[in-house]
Amino acid sequence: MSNKKVAFFTLGCKLNFAETSTISRFFTSNGFEIVKFADIADYYIINSCTVTSNANKKSRNAISRARKKNAKAVIIVTGCYAQLKDREIEDLHLADYIIGANDKAQIETIIEKHSDLIQFKYLTDHKNVESFFPAYSMGDRTRSFLKIQDGCDYFCAYCTIPYARGRSRNESIKSIIKNAENIALGGIKEIILTGVNIGDFGKSTGENLF
């Protein structure tokens, strides 16, 4: 898969940026060249946001721009907009894959198995967003954002996060420490713990940060 080019476009929170960074490491470890989103690429990965109607619009515009850049490119849309508005994205007839919150880790498999014969498909589950996608940012800053928690249980009237990212859940402390050690090995001096609501840490593992 060497000599292929991939471009990323990320909207929204630090979680999205940490997840995009994690996804990008799969590509670089497999010989892909990462280029700017404005460049012509073989793959475009759009990590979307749906916190506002403007975020939805920016996500749609990014999909359209990618398709205009390369009509033959593989376009993968993930993130909160993909989770909540998958049919809306499908109606654009521009994306090849729509990946919901449970299946971000499947992007690697999709890239490995993709061929020109495969049909459009999406992977979203609106009822059971339960998987935890471990992620941390690397390479673009002197500090790293390490994801330790995802989702929310509070269902505030104005907020879509429990629907887009599921219920509160977290990584185990053992796995968090392992990721922190990997970050430190990369020369990063500062690690920032991030999540949707890190005050809820431990709900899924029975642990606590203290």
N, C-alpha and C. Protein backbone atom coordinates (compact mmCIF):
# COMPACT_ATOMS: atom_id res chain seq x y z
N MET A 1 0.81 -1.20 0.00
CA MET A 1 0.00 0.00 0.00
C MET A 1 0.85 1.26 0.00
N SER A 2 2.16 1.12 -0.23
CA SER A 2 3.04 2.28 -0.22
C SER A 2 2.74 3.17 -1.41
N ASN A 3 3.24 4.41 -1.33
CA ASN A 3 3.08 5.43 -2.36
C ASN A 3 1.65 5.96 -2.47
N LYS A 4 0.77 5.52 -1.60
CA LYS A 4 -0.57 6.08 -1.56
C LYS A 4 -0.58 7.32 -0.69
N LYS A 5 -1.49 8.25 -0.99
CA LYS A 5 -1.58 9.48 -0.23
C LYS A 5 -2.90 9.54 0.53
N VAL A 6 -2.85 10.06 1.75
CA VAL A 6 -4.05 10.19 2.57
C VAL A 6 -4.09 11.59 3.18
N ALA A 7 -5.30 12.14 3.25
CA ALA A 7 -5.50 13.47 3.82
C ALA A 7 -6.57 13.39 4.91
N PHE A 8 -6.40 14.20 5.94
CA PHE A 8 -7.33 14.19 7.08
C PHE A 8 -7.97 15.56 7.26
N PHE A 9 -9.21 15.53 7.70
CA PHE A 9 -9.92 16.77 8.06
C PHE A 9 -10.66 16.50 9.36
N THR A 10 -10.36 17.29 10.39
CA THR A 10 -10.94 17.05 11.71
C THR A 10 -11.68 18.28 12.21
N LEU A 11 -12.89 18.05 12.67
CA LEU A 11 -13.70 19.09 13.28
C LEU A 11 -13.96 18.74 14.73
N GLY A 12 -14.23 19.77 15.55
CA GLY A 12 -14.74 19.50 16.89
C GLY A 12 -13.71 19.47 17.99
N CYS A 13 -13.89 18.53 18.91
CA CYS A 13 -13.22 18.53 20.21
C CYS A 13 -11.84 17.88 20.16
N LYS A 14 -11.15 17.95 21.32
CA LYS A 14 -9.82 17.34 21.44
C LYS A 14 -9.89 15.83 21.29
N LEU A 15 -11.02 15.23 21.65
CA LEU A 15 -11.18 13.79 21.44
C LEU A 15 -11.05 13.45 19.96
N ASN A 16 -11.72 14.22 19.12
CA ASN A 16 -11.64 13.97 17.68
C ASN A 16 -10.21 14.10 17.17
N PHE A 17 -9.49 15.11 17.64
CA PHE A 17 -8.11 15.30 17.19
C PHE A 17 -7.22 14.16 17.67
N ALA A 18 -7.45 13.68 18.89
CA ALA A 18 -6.67 12.54 19.39
C ALA A 18 -6.98 11.29 18.57
N GLU A 19 -8.25 11.10 18.22
CA GLU A 19 -8.65 9.93 17.44
C GLU A 19 -8.09 9.99 16.01
N THR A 20 -8.12 11.19 15.41
CA THR A 20 -7.55 11.34 14.07
C THR A 20 -6.05 11.03 14.08
N SER A 21 -5.36 11.51 15.10
CA SER A 21 -3.92 11.24 15.22
C SER A 21 -3.66 9.75 15.32
N THR A 22 -4.49 9.05 16.09
CA THR A 22 -4.33 7.60 16.23
C THR A 22 -4.58 6.88 14.91
N ILE A 23 -5.62 7.27 14.20
CA ILE A 23 -5.92 6.68 12.90
C ILE A 23 -4.78 6.95 11.91
N SER A 24 -4.23 8.16 11.96
CA SER A 24 -3.17 8.52 11.01
C SER A 24 -1.93 7.67 11.19
N ARG A 25 -1.67 7.22 12.42
CA ARG A 25 -0.47 6.41 12.66
C ARG A 25 -0.55 5.07 11.96
N PHE A 26 -1.76 4.55 11.77
CA PHE A 26 -1.90 3.32 10.98
C PHE A 26 -1.43 3.56 9.55
N PHE A 27 -1.80 4.69 9.00
CA PHE A 27 -1.43 4.98 7.61
C PHE A 27 0.08 5.17 7.46
N THR A 28 0.68 5.95 8.36
CA THR A 28 2.12 6.19 8.24
C THR A 28 2.92 4.91 8.45
N SER A 29 2.44 4.03 9.34
CA SER A 29 3.16 2.77 9.59
C SER A 29 3.03 1.81 8.42
N ASN A 30 2.09 2.09 7.51
CA ASN A 30 1.90 1.24 6.33
C ASN A 30 2.34 1.92 5.04
N GLY A 31 3.17 2.93 5.17
CA GLY A 31 3.82 3.51 4.00
C GLY A 31 3.03 4.58 3.28
N PHE A 32 1.94 5.04 3.85
CA PHE A 32 1.17 6.12 3.22
C PHE A 32 1.86 7.46 3.44
N GLU A 33 1.68 8.35 2.50
CA GLU A 33 2.16 9.72 2.65
C GLU A 33 0.97 10.60 3.07
N ILE A 34 1.12 11.31 4.17
CA ILE A 34 0.05 12.21 4.62
C ILE A 34 0.23 13.56 3.95
N VAL A 35 -0.82 14.02 3.28
CA VAL A 35 -0.78 15.30 2.57
C VAL A 35 -1.86 16.22 3.14
N LYS A 36 -1.82 17.46 2.73
CA LYS A 36 -2.81 18.42 3.18
C LYS A 36 -4.18 18.09 2.58
N PHE A 37 -5.23 18.48 3.28
CA PHE A 37 -6.58 18.16 2.82
C PHE A 37 -6.88 18.85 1.48
N ALA A 38 -6.21 19.95 1.21
CA ALA A 38 -6.43 20.67 -0.05
C ALA A 38 -5.73 20.00 -1.23
N ASP A 39 -4.88 19.01 -0.95
CA ASP A 39 -4.14 18.32 -2.00
C ASP A 39 -4.93 17.12 -2.54
N ILE A 40 -4.47 16.59 -3.66
CA ILE A 40 -5.08 15.40 -4.23
C ILE A 40 -4.55 14.18 -3.47
N ALA A 41 -5.48 13.36 -2.96
CA ALA A 41 -5.10 12.18 -2.19
C ALA A 41 -5.88 10.97 -2.68
N ASP A 42 -5.40 9.80 -2.31
CA ASP A 42 -6.10 8.55 -2.64
C ASP A 42 -7.18 8.24 -1.61
N TYR A 43 -6.96 8.72 -0.38
CA TYR A 43 -7.91 8.51 0.71
C TYR A 43 -8.12 9.82 1.45
N TYR A 44 -9.37 10.12 1.75
CA TYR A 44 -9.72 11.27 2.58
C TYR A 44 -10.48 10.76 3.81
N ILE A 45 -9.97 11.09 5.00
CA ILE A 45 -10.62 10.70 6.24
C ILE A 45 -11.17 11.96 6.89
N ILE A 46 -12.47 12.02 7.05
CA ILE A 46 -13.12 13.20 7.64
C ILE A 46 -13.70 12.81 8.99
N ASN A 47 -13.13 13.36 10.05
CA ASN A 47 -13.60 13.11 11.41
C ASN A 47 -14.52 14.27 11.79
N SER A 48 -15.80 14.02 11.76
CA SER A 48 -16.80 15.09 11.76
C SER A 48 -17.30 15.44 13.15
N CYS A 49 -18.04 16.54 13.21
CA CYS A 49 -18.64 17.03 14.45
C CYS A 49 -20.09 17.42 14.15
N THR A 50 -20.93 17.33 15.18
CA THR A 50 -22.34 17.69 14.98
C THR A 50 -22.86 18.54 16.14
N VAL A 51 -21.96 19.23 16.84
CA VAL A 51 -22.37 19.99 18.02
C VAL A 51 -23.26 21.18 17.65
N THR A 52 -23.11 21.69 16.43
CA THR A 52 -23.97 22.78 15.94
C THR A 52 -24.33 22.50 14.49
N SER A 53 -25.33 23.25 13.98
CA SER A 53 -25.70 23.12 12.57
C SER A 53 -24.55 23.57 11.68
N ASN A 54 -23.74 24.52 12.16
CA ASN A 54 -22.59 24.97 11.38
C ASN A 54 -21.55 23.87 11.27
N ALA A 55 -21.40 23.08 12.34
CA ALA A 55 -20.47 21.95 12.29
C ALA A 55 -20.94 20.92 11.26
N ASN A 56 -22.25 20.69 11.21
CA ASN A 56 -22.80 19.78 10.20
C ASN A 56 -22.48 20.29 8.80
N LYS A 57 -22.67 21.58 8.60
CA LYS A 57 -22.41 22.19 7.29
C LYS A 57 -20.94 22.06 6.91
N LYS A 58 -20.05 22.32 7.87
CA LYS A 58 -18.61 22.19 7.59
C LYS A 58 -18.24 20.76 7.24
N SER A 59 -18.88 19.80 7.91
CA SER A 59 -18.61 18.40 7.62
C SER A 59 -19.05 18.05 6.20
N ARG A 60 -20.24 18.50 5.81
CA ARG A 60 -20.72 18.25 4.44
C ARG A 60 -19.82 18.91 3.41
N ASN A 61 -19.39 20.14 3.70
CA ASN A 61 -18.52 20.85 2.77
C ASN A 61 -17.19 20.12 2.59
N ALA A 62 -16.67 19.56 3.68
CA ALA A 62 -15.41 18.83 3.60
C ALA A 62 -15.56 17.59 2.71
N ILE A 63 -16.67 16.90 2.84
CA ILE A 63 -16.93 15.72 2.00
C ILE A 63 -16.98 16.13 0.53
N SER A 64 -17.70 17.22 0.25
CA SER A 64 -17.83 17.70 -1.12
C SER A 64 -16.48 18.12 -1.70
N ARG A 65 -15.68 18.81 -0.90
CA ARG A 65 -14.36 19.27 -1.36
C ARG A 65 -13.46 18.08 -1.68
N ALA A 66 -13.52 17.06 -0.86
CA ALA A 66 -12.70 15.88 -1.09
C ALA A 66 -13.07 15.20 -2.40
N ARG A 67 -14.35 15.07 -2.64
CA ARG A 67 -14.80 14.41 -3.87
C ARG A 67 -14.43 15.23 -5.10
N LYS A 68 -14.48 16.55 -5.00
CA LYS A 68 -14.10 17.40 -6.12
C LYS A 68 -12.61 17.29 -6.40
N LYS A 69 -11.82 17.09 -5.36
CA LYS A 69 -10.38 16.98 -5.55
C LYS A 69 -10.00 15.71 -6.30
N ASN A 70 -10.68 14.61 -5.98
CA ASN A 70 -10.36 13.34 -6.62
C ASN A 70 -11.62 12.49 -6.69
N ALA A 71 -12.17 12.38 -7.87
CA ALA A 71 -13.41 11.62 -8.06
C ALA A 71 -13.24 10.14 -7.76
N LYS A 72 -12.01 9.65 -7.81
CA LYS A 72 -11.75 8.23 -7.59
C LYS A 72 -11.24 7.92 -6.18
N ALA A 73 -11.14 8.93 -5.35
CA ALA A 73 -10.62 8.73 -4.00
C ALA A 73 -11.61 7.94 -3.15
N VAL A 74 -11.09 7.29 -2.12
CA VAL A 74 -11.92 6.63 -1.11
C VAL A 74 -12.16 7.63 0.01
N ILE A 75 -13.41 7.97 0.23
CA ILE A 75 -13.77 8.95 1.25
C ILE A 75 -14.44 8.23 2.42
N ILE A 76 -13.85 8.40 3.60
CA ILE A 76 -14.37 7.79 4.82
C ILE A 76 -14.78 8.91 5.77
N VAL A 77 -16.02 8.86 6.20
CA VAL A 77 -16.52 9.86 7.14
C VAL A 77 -16.81 9.17 8.47
N THR A 78 -16.23 9.70 9.54
CA THR A 78 -16.48 9.17 10.88
C THR A 78 -16.78 10.34 11.80
N GLY A 79 -16.88 10.09 13.09
CA GLY A 79 -17.17 11.16 14.03
C GLY A 79 -18.66 11.28 14.35
N CYS A 80 -19.00 12.31 15.12
CA CYS A 80 -20.35 12.45 15.65
C CYS A 80 -21.41 12.71 14.58
N TYR A 81 -21.06 13.48 13.55
CA TYR A 81 -22.00 13.72 12.46
C TYR A 81 -22.31 12.42 11.72
N ALA A 82 -21.29 11.60 11.55
CA ALA A 82 -21.49 10.31 10.89
C ALA A 82 -22.38 9.40 11.74
N GLN A 83 -22.24 9.49 13.04
CA GLN A 83 -23.03 8.65 13.93
C GLN A 83 -24.51 9.04 13.92
N LEU A 84 -24.78 10.35 13.97
CA LEU A 84 -26.16 10.81 14.12
C LEU A 84 -26.86 11.10 12.79
N LYS A 85 -26.09 11.41 11.77
CA LYS A 85 -26.69 11.85 10.50
C LYS A 85 -26.19 11.00 9.33
N ASP A 86 -26.08 9.69 9.54
CA ASP A 86 -25.53 8.85 8.49
C ASP A 86 -26.37 8.87 7.22
N ARG A 87 -27.68 8.90 7.36
CA ARG A 87 -28.54 8.94 6.17
C ARG A 87 -28.39 10.25 5.42
N GLU A 88 -28.16 11.31 6.16
CA GLU A 88 -27.95 12.62 5.54
C GLU A 88 -26.68 12.62 4.69
N ILE A 89 -25.65 11.97 5.22
CA ILE A 89 -24.40 11.85 4.46
C ILE A 89 -24.60 10.94 3.25
N GLU A 90 -25.33 9.86 3.45
CA GLU A 90 -25.59 8.93 2.36
C GLU A 90 -26.31 9.62 1.21
N ASP A 91 -27.23 10.52 1.53
CA ASP A 91 -28.00 11.23 0.51
C ASP A 91 -27.13 12.15 -0.35
N LEU A 92 -25.93 12.47 0.13
CA LEU A 92 -25.02 13.29 -0.67
C LEU A 92 -24.42 12.50 -1.83
N HIS A 93 -24.37 11.15 -1.68
CA HIS A 93 -23.80 10.25 -2.69
C HIS A 93 -22.34 10.60 -3.01
N LEU A 94 -21.60 10.96 -1.96
CA LEU A 94 -20.21 11.36 -2.15
C LEU A 94 -19.23 10.52 -1.34
N ALA A 95 -19.67 9.96 -0.23
CA ALA A 95 -18.78 9.20 0.64
C ALA A 95 -18.84 7.71 0.33
N ASP A 96 -17.73 7.03 0.51
CA ASP A 96 -17.67 5.59 0.30
C ASP A 96 -18.04 4.82 1.57
N TYR A 97 -17.63 5.37 2.71
CA TYR A 97 -17.91 4.70 3.98
C TYR A 97 -18.33 5.73 5.02
N ILE A 98 -19.31 5.36 5.82
CA ILE A 98 -19.72 6.17 6.97
C ILE A 98 -19.52 5.28 8.19
N ILE A 99 -18.64 5.70 9.08
CA ILE A 99 -18.24 4.87 10.20
C ILE A 99 -18.72 5.50 11.50
N GLY A 100 -19.56 4.78 12.23
CA GLY A 100 -20.09 5.27 13.48
C GLY A 100 -19.14 5.08 14.65
N ALA A 101 -19.62 5.45 15.83
CA ALA A 101 -18.77 5.48 17.03
C ALA A 101 -18.22 4.11 17.41
N ASN A 102 -18.97 3.06 17.15
CA ASN A 102 -18.53 1.72 17.53
C ASN A 102 -17.42 1.16 16.65
N ASP A 103 -17.25 1.73 15.47
CA ASP A 103 -16.44 1.05 14.46
C ASP A 103 -15.25 1.86 13.93
N LYS A 104 -14.82 2.87 14.68
CA LYS A 104 -13.66 3.64 14.23
C LYS A 104 -12.43 2.77 14.05
N ALA A 105 -12.30 1.77 14.90
CA ALA A 105 -11.14 0.87 14.79
C ALA A 105 -11.19 0.04 13.52
N GLN A 106 -12.37 -0.04 12.87
CA GLN A 106 -12.51 -0.83 11.65
C GLN A 106 -11.95 -0.13 10.42
N ILE A 107 -11.58 1.14 10.56
CA ILE A 107 -11.04 1.88 9.42
C ILE A 107 -9.80 1.19 8.87
N GLU A 108 -8.97 0.65 9.74
CA GLU A 108 -7.78 -0.07 9.29
C GLU A 108 -8.17 -1.27 8.42
N THR A 109 -9.16 -2.02 8.87
CA THR A 109 -9.61 -3.20 8.11
C THR A 109 -10.18 -2.80 6.77
N ILE A 110 -10.95 -1.72 6.75
CA ILE A 110 -11.55 -1.24 5.51
C ILE A 110 -10.46 -0.88 4.50
N ILE A 111 -9.44 -0.19 4.94
CA ILE A 111 -8.36 0.20 4.04
C ILE A 111 -7.62 -1.03 3.51
N GLU A 112 -7.40 -1.99 4.37
CA GLU A 112 -6.68 -3.19 3.97
C GLU A 112 -7.45 -4.02 2.95
N LYS A 113 -8.79 -4.01 3.05
CA LYS A 113 -9.61 -4.87 2.21
C LYS A 113 -10.31 -4.15 1.07
N HIS A 114 -10.22 -2.84 1.02
CA HIS A 114 -10.97 -2.09 0.01
C HIS A 114 -10.52 -2.44 -1.41
N SER A 115 -11.49 -2.51 -2.28
CA SER A 115 -11.20 -2.68 -3.71
C SER A 115 -12.20 -1.85 -4.50
N ASP A 116 -11.95 -1.70 -5.77
CA ASP A 116 -12.85 -0.91 -6.61
C ASP A 116 -14.20 -1.57 -6.78
N LEU A 117 -14.32 -2.84 -6.40
CA LEU A 117 -15.57 -3.56 -6.58
C LEU A 117 -16.53 -3.40 -5.41
N ILE A 118 -16.02 -2.90 -4.28
CA ILE A 118 -16.87 -2.86 -3.10
C ILE A 118 -17.92 -1.77 -3.21
N GLN A 119 -19.09 -2.03 -2.66
CA GLN A 119 -20.18 -1.08 -2.73
C GLN A 119 -20.16 -0.17 -1.50
N PHE A 120 -20.83 0.96 -1.63
CA PHE A 120 -20.96 1.89 -0.51
C PHE A 120 -21.55 1.18 0.69
N LYS A 121 -21.03 1.44 1.85
CA LYS A 121 -21.65 0.90 3.05
C LYS A 121 -21.37 1.80 4.24
N TYR A 122 -22.21 1.67 5.25
CA TYR A 122 -21.98 2.43 6.46
C TYR A 122 -22.10 1.51 7.65
N LEU A 123 -21.36 1.87 8.71
CA LEU A 123 -21.35 1.09 9.93
C LEU A 123 -21.73 2.01 11.09
N THR A 124 -23.00 2.05 11.43
CA THR A 124 -23.45 2.85 12.56
C THR A 124 -24.46 2.04 13.36
N ASP A 125 -24.46 2.28 14.65
CA ASP A 125 -25.43 1.64 15.53
C ASP A 125 -25.91 2.71 16.50
N HIS A 126 -27.17 3.11 16.33
CA HIS A 126 -27.68 4.24 17.11
C HIS A 126 -28.10 3.84 18.51
N LYS A 127 -28.22 2.57 18.79
CA LYS A 127 -28.74 2.13 20.07
C LYS A 127 -27.66 1.68 21.05
N ASN A 128 -26.60 1.12 20.53
CA ASN A 128 -25.62 0.50 21.42
C ASN A 128 -24.20 0.97 21.09
N VAL A 129 -23.87 2.20 21.47
CA VAL A 129 -22.52 2.70 21.30
C VAL A 129 -21.76 2.33 22.56
N GLU A 130 -21.02 1.23 22.49
CA GLU A 130 -20.42 0.67 23.70
C GLU A 130 -18.91 0.50 23.62
N SER A 131 -18.35 0.43 22.43
CA SER A 131 -16.92 0.17 22.32
C SER A 131 -16.12 1.41 22.74
N PHE A 132 -14.88 1.19 23.16
CA PHE A 132 -13.99 2.28 23.53
C PHE A 132 -12.82 2.28 22.55
N PHE A 133 -12.64 3.40 21.87
CA PHE A 133 -11.57 3.53 20.89
C PHE A 133 -10.40 4.27 21.55
N PRO A 134 -9.34 3.54 21.96
CA PRO A 134 -8.20 4.19 22.61
C PRO A 134 -7.52 5.15 21.65
N ALA A 135 -7.12 6.32 22.15
CA ALA A 135 -6.53 7.30 21.25
C ALA A 135 -5.65 8.29 22.00
N TYR A 136 -4.64 8.78 21.31
CA TYR A 136 -3.84 9.90 21.83
C TYR A 136 -3.17 10.59 20.65
N SER A 137 -2.93 11.88 20.81
CA SER A 137 -2.31 12.66 19.74
C SER A 137 -0.79 12.60 19.87
N MET A 138 -0.15 12.63 18.71
CA MET A 138 1.32 12.59 18.66
C MET A 138 1.78 13.33 17.42
N GLY A 139 2.98 13.91 17.52
CA GLY A 139 3.66 14.39 16.33
C GLY A 139 3.38 15.82 15.92
N ASP A 140 2.26 16.40 16.38
CA ASP A 140 1.94 17.73 15.90
C ASP A 140 2.17 18.81 16.95
N ARG A 141 2.41 18.42 18.20
CA ARG A 141 2.60 19.39 19.26
C ARG A 141 3.65 18.88 20.26
N THR A 142 4.00 19.76 21.19
CA THR A 142 4.94 19.36 22.24
C THR A 142 4.21 18.67 23.38
N ARG A 143 2.89 18.64 23.35
CA ARG A 143 2.11 17.92 24.35
C ARG A 143 1.14 16.98 23.66
N SER A 144 0.69 15.99 24.41
CA SER A 144 -0.20 14.98 23.85
C SER A 144 -1.53 14.96 24.61
N PHE A 145 -2.61 14.82 23.85
CA PHE A 145 -3.93 14.64 24.45
C PHE A 145 -4.23 13.14 24.49
N LEU A 146 -4.37 12.62 25.70
CA LEU A 146 -4.60 11.19 25.91
C LEU A 146 -6.05 10.97 26.32
N LYS A 147 -6.77 10.25 25.49
CA LYS A 147 -8.18 9.97 25.76
C LYS A 147 -8.30 8.88 26.82
N ILE A 148 -9.02 9.19 27.90
CA ILE A 148 -9.21 8.20 28.96
C ILE A 148 -10.68 7.85 29.18
N GLN A 149 -11.58 8.67 28.63
CA GLN A 149 -13.02 8.46 28.87
C GLN A 149 -13.79 8.91 27.65
N ASP A 150 -14.97 8.36 27.47
CA ASP A 150 -15.82 8.73 26.33
C ASP A 150 -17.28 8.64 26.77
N GLY A 151 -18.15 9.36 26.08
CA GLY A 151 -19.58 9.26 26.33
C GLY A 151 -20.06 10.01 27.57
N CYS A 152 -21.38 10.01 27.74
CA CYS A 152 -21.99 10.74 28.85
C CYS A 152 -23.34 10.11 29.19
N ASP A 153 -23.69 10.14 30.48
CA ASP A 153 -24.93 9.53 30.96
C ASP A 153 -26.03 10.54 31.27
N TYR A 154 -25.78 11.82 31.08
CA TYR A 154 -26.69 12.81 31.67
C TYR A 154 -27.83 13.28 30.76
N PHE A 155 -27.74 13.11 29.47
CA PHE A 155 -28.85 13.39 28.55
C PHE A 155 -29.47 14.77 28.78
N CYS A 156 -28.64 15.80 28.83
CA CYS A 156 -29.16 17.17 28.94
C CYS A 156 -29.97 17.50 27.68
N ALA A 157 -30.99 18.31 27.86
CA ALA A 157 -31.95 18.56 26.78
C ALA A 157 -31.31 19.15 25.53
N TYR A 158 -30.25 19.94 25.70
CA TYR A 158 -29.64 20.65 24.59
C TYR A 158 -28.50 19.88 23.93
N CYS A 159 -28.15 18.71 24.46
CA CYS A 159 -26.89 18.05 24.09
C CYS A 159 -27.14 16.70 23.41
N THR A 160 -26.39 16.43 22.34
CA THR A 160 -26.52 15.18 21.60
C THR A 160 -25.41 14.18 21.90
N ILE A 161 -24.50 14.53 22.80
CA ILE A 161 -23.33 13.68 23.05
C ILE A 161 -23.70 12.25 23.45
N PRO A 162 -24.68 12.04 24.35
CA PRO A 162 -25.00 10.64 24.71
C PRO A 162 -25.47 9.81 23.51
N TYR A 163 -26.04 10.48 22.53
CA TYR A 163 -26.49 9.77 21.32
C TYR A 163 -25.35 9.59 20.32
N ALA A 164 -24.47 10.58 20.25
CA ALA A 164 -23.36 10.53 19.30
C ALA A 164 -22.19 9.68 19.79
N ARG A 165 -21.94 9.71 21.10
CA ARG A 165 -20.79 9.00 21.65
C ARG A 165 -21.16 7.93 22.66
N GLY A 166 -22.42 7.76 22.94
CA GLY A 166 -22.85 6.69 23.82
C GLY A 166 -22.75 7.04 25.29
N ARG A 167 -22.98 6.03 26.13
CA ARG A 167 -22.92 6.20 27.58
C ARG A 167 -21.48 6.33 28.06
N SER A 168 -21.33 6.84 29.27
CA SER A 168 -20.00 7.03 29.85
C SER A 168 -19.27 5.70 30.01
N ARG A 169 -18.03 5.67 29.56
CA ARG A 169 -17.18 4.48 29.68
C ARG A 169 -15.74 4.94 29.61
N ASN A 170 -14.84 4.13 30.08
CA ASN A 170 -13.44 4.56 30.13
C ASN A 170 -12.48 3.42 29.86
N GLU A 171 -11.26 3.80 29.56
CA GLU A 171 -10.15 2.86 29.39
C GLU A 171 -9.68 2.44 30.78
N SER A 172 -9.10 1.27 30.89
CA SER A 172 -8.56 0.84 32.17
C SER A 172 -7.29 1.63 32.49
N ILE A 173 -6.99 1.78 33.78
CA ILE A 173 -5.79 2.49 34.18
C ILE A 173 -4.54 1.81 33.63
N LYS A 174 -4.54 0.49 33.61
CA LYS A 174 -3.40 -0.25 33.06
C LYS A 174 -3.13 0.14 31.61
N SER A 175 -4.19 0.23 30.79
CA SER A 175 -4.02 0.61 29.39
C SER A 175 -3.63 2.08 29.25
N ILE A 176 -4.18 2.92 30.11
CA ILE A 176 -3.84 4.34 30.08
C ILE A 176 -2.35 4.53 30.36
N ILE A 177 -1.83 3.83 31.35
CA ILE A 177 -0.41 3.93 31.69
C ILE A 177 0.46 3.45 30.53
N LYS A 178 0.04 2.37 29.89
CA LYS A 178 0.79 1.87 28.73
C LYS A 178 0.84 2.90 27.61
N ASN A 179 -0.31 3.55 27.34
CA ASN A 179 -0.34 4.59 26.31
C ASN A 179 0.51 5.78 26.71
N ALA A 180 0.48 6.14 28.00
CA ALA A 180 1.29 7.25 28.48
C ALA A 180 2.78 6.95 28.29
N GLU A 181 3.17 5.71 28.54
CA GLU A 181 4.57 5.31 28.36
C GLU A 181 4.96 5.40 26.88
N ASN A 182 4.05 5.01 25.99
CA ASN A 182 4.32 5.12 24.55
C ASN A 182 4.49 6.58 24.14
N ILE A 183 3.66 7.44 24.72
CA ILE A 183 3.77 8.88 24.43
C ILE A 183 5.12 9.41 24.90
N ALA A 184 5.52 9.02 26.11
CA ALA A 184 6.79 9.49 26.67
C ALA A 184 7.97 9.03 25.83
N LEU A 185 7.87 7.82 25.29
CA LEU A 185 8.94 7.30 24.44
C LEU A 185 9.10 8.13 23.16
N GLY A 186 8.02 8.82 22.78
CA GLY A 186 8.07 9.68 21.61
C GLY A 186 8.63 11.06 21.89
N GLY A 187 9.09 11.27 23.12
CA GLY A 187 9.72 12.54 23.45
C GLY A 187 8.77 13.62 23.95
N ILE A 188 7.51 13.28 24.11
CA ILE A 188 6.52 14.26 24.59
C ILE A 188 6.71 14.48 26.09
N LYS A 189 6.72 15.74 26.52
CA LYS A 189 6.98 16.07 27.91
C LYS A 189 5.70 16.33 28.71
N GLU A 190 4.58 16.55 28.04
CA GLU A 190 3.35 16.89 28.74
C GLU A 190 2.19 16.07 28.19
N ILE A 191 1.44 15.45 29.06
CA ILE A 191 0.27 14.66 28.67
C ILE A 191 -0.97 15.27 29.32
N ILE A 192 -1.98 15.54 28.52
CA ILE A 192 -3.24 16.08 29.01
C ILE A 192 -4.31 15.01 28.89
N LEU A 193 -4.92 14.65 30.00
CA LEU A 193 -5.97 13.65 30.00
C LEU A 193 -7.25 14.30 29.49
N THR A 194 -7.92 13.64 28.55
CA THR A 194 -9.11 14.22 27.97
C THR A 194 -10.22 13.19 27.83
N GLY A 195 -11.43 13.68 27.73
CA GLY A 195 -12.62 12.84 27.58
C GLY A 195 -13.84 13.73 27.49
N VAL A 196 -14.99 13.14 27.33
CA VAL A 196 -16.23 13.92 27.32
C VAL A 196 -16.51 14.44 28.73
N ASN A 197 -16.36 13.57 29.71
CA ASN A 197 -16.61 13.94 31.10
C ASN A 197 -15.70 13.08 31.98
N ILE A 198 -14.47 13.53 32.18
CA ILE A 198 -13.51 12.70 32.90
C ILE A 198 -13.85 12.61 34.39
N GLY A 199 -14.76 13.46 34.87
CA GLY A 199 -15.23 13.33 36.24
C GLY A 199 -16.00 12.04 36.46
N ASP A 200 -16.46 11.43 35.38
CA ASP A 200 -17.16 10.15 35.44
C ASP A 200 -16.23 8.96 35.32
N PHE A 201 -14.92 9.22 35.28
CA PHE A 201 -13.97 8.13 35.07
C PHE A 201 -14.19 7.01 36.08
N GLY A 202 -14.19 5.79 35.59
CA GLY A 202 -14.29 4.62 36.44
C GLY A 202 -15.62 3.91 36.40
N LYS A 203 -16.60 4.50 35.73
CA LYS A 203 -17.94 3.90 35.71
C LYS A 203 -17.94 2.52 35.07
N SER A 204 -17.09 2.31 34.08
CA SER A 204 -17.11 1.03 33.38
C SER A 204 -16.03 0.05 33.86
N THR A 205 -15.09 0.53 34.68
CA THR A 205 -14.02 -0.37 35.14
C THR A 205 -13.94 -0.46 36.67
N GLY A 206 -14.72 0.36 37.39
CA GLY A 206 -14.69 0.33 38.84
C GLY A 206 -13.43 0.93 39.44
N GLU A 207 -12.69 1.71 38.65
CA GLU A 207 -11.46 2.34 39.12
C GLU A 207 -11.70 3.83 39.37
N ASN A 208 -10.71 4.49 39.93
CA ASN A 208 -10.77 5.95 40.04
C ASN A 208 -9.38 6.55 39.89
N LEU A 209 -9.32 7.79 39.51
CA LEU A 209 -8.03 8.43 39.22
C LEU A 209 -7.20 8.66 40.48
N PHE A 210 -7.85 8.75 41.62
CA PHE A 210 -7.09 8.93 42.87
C PHE A 210 -6.18 7.73 43.13
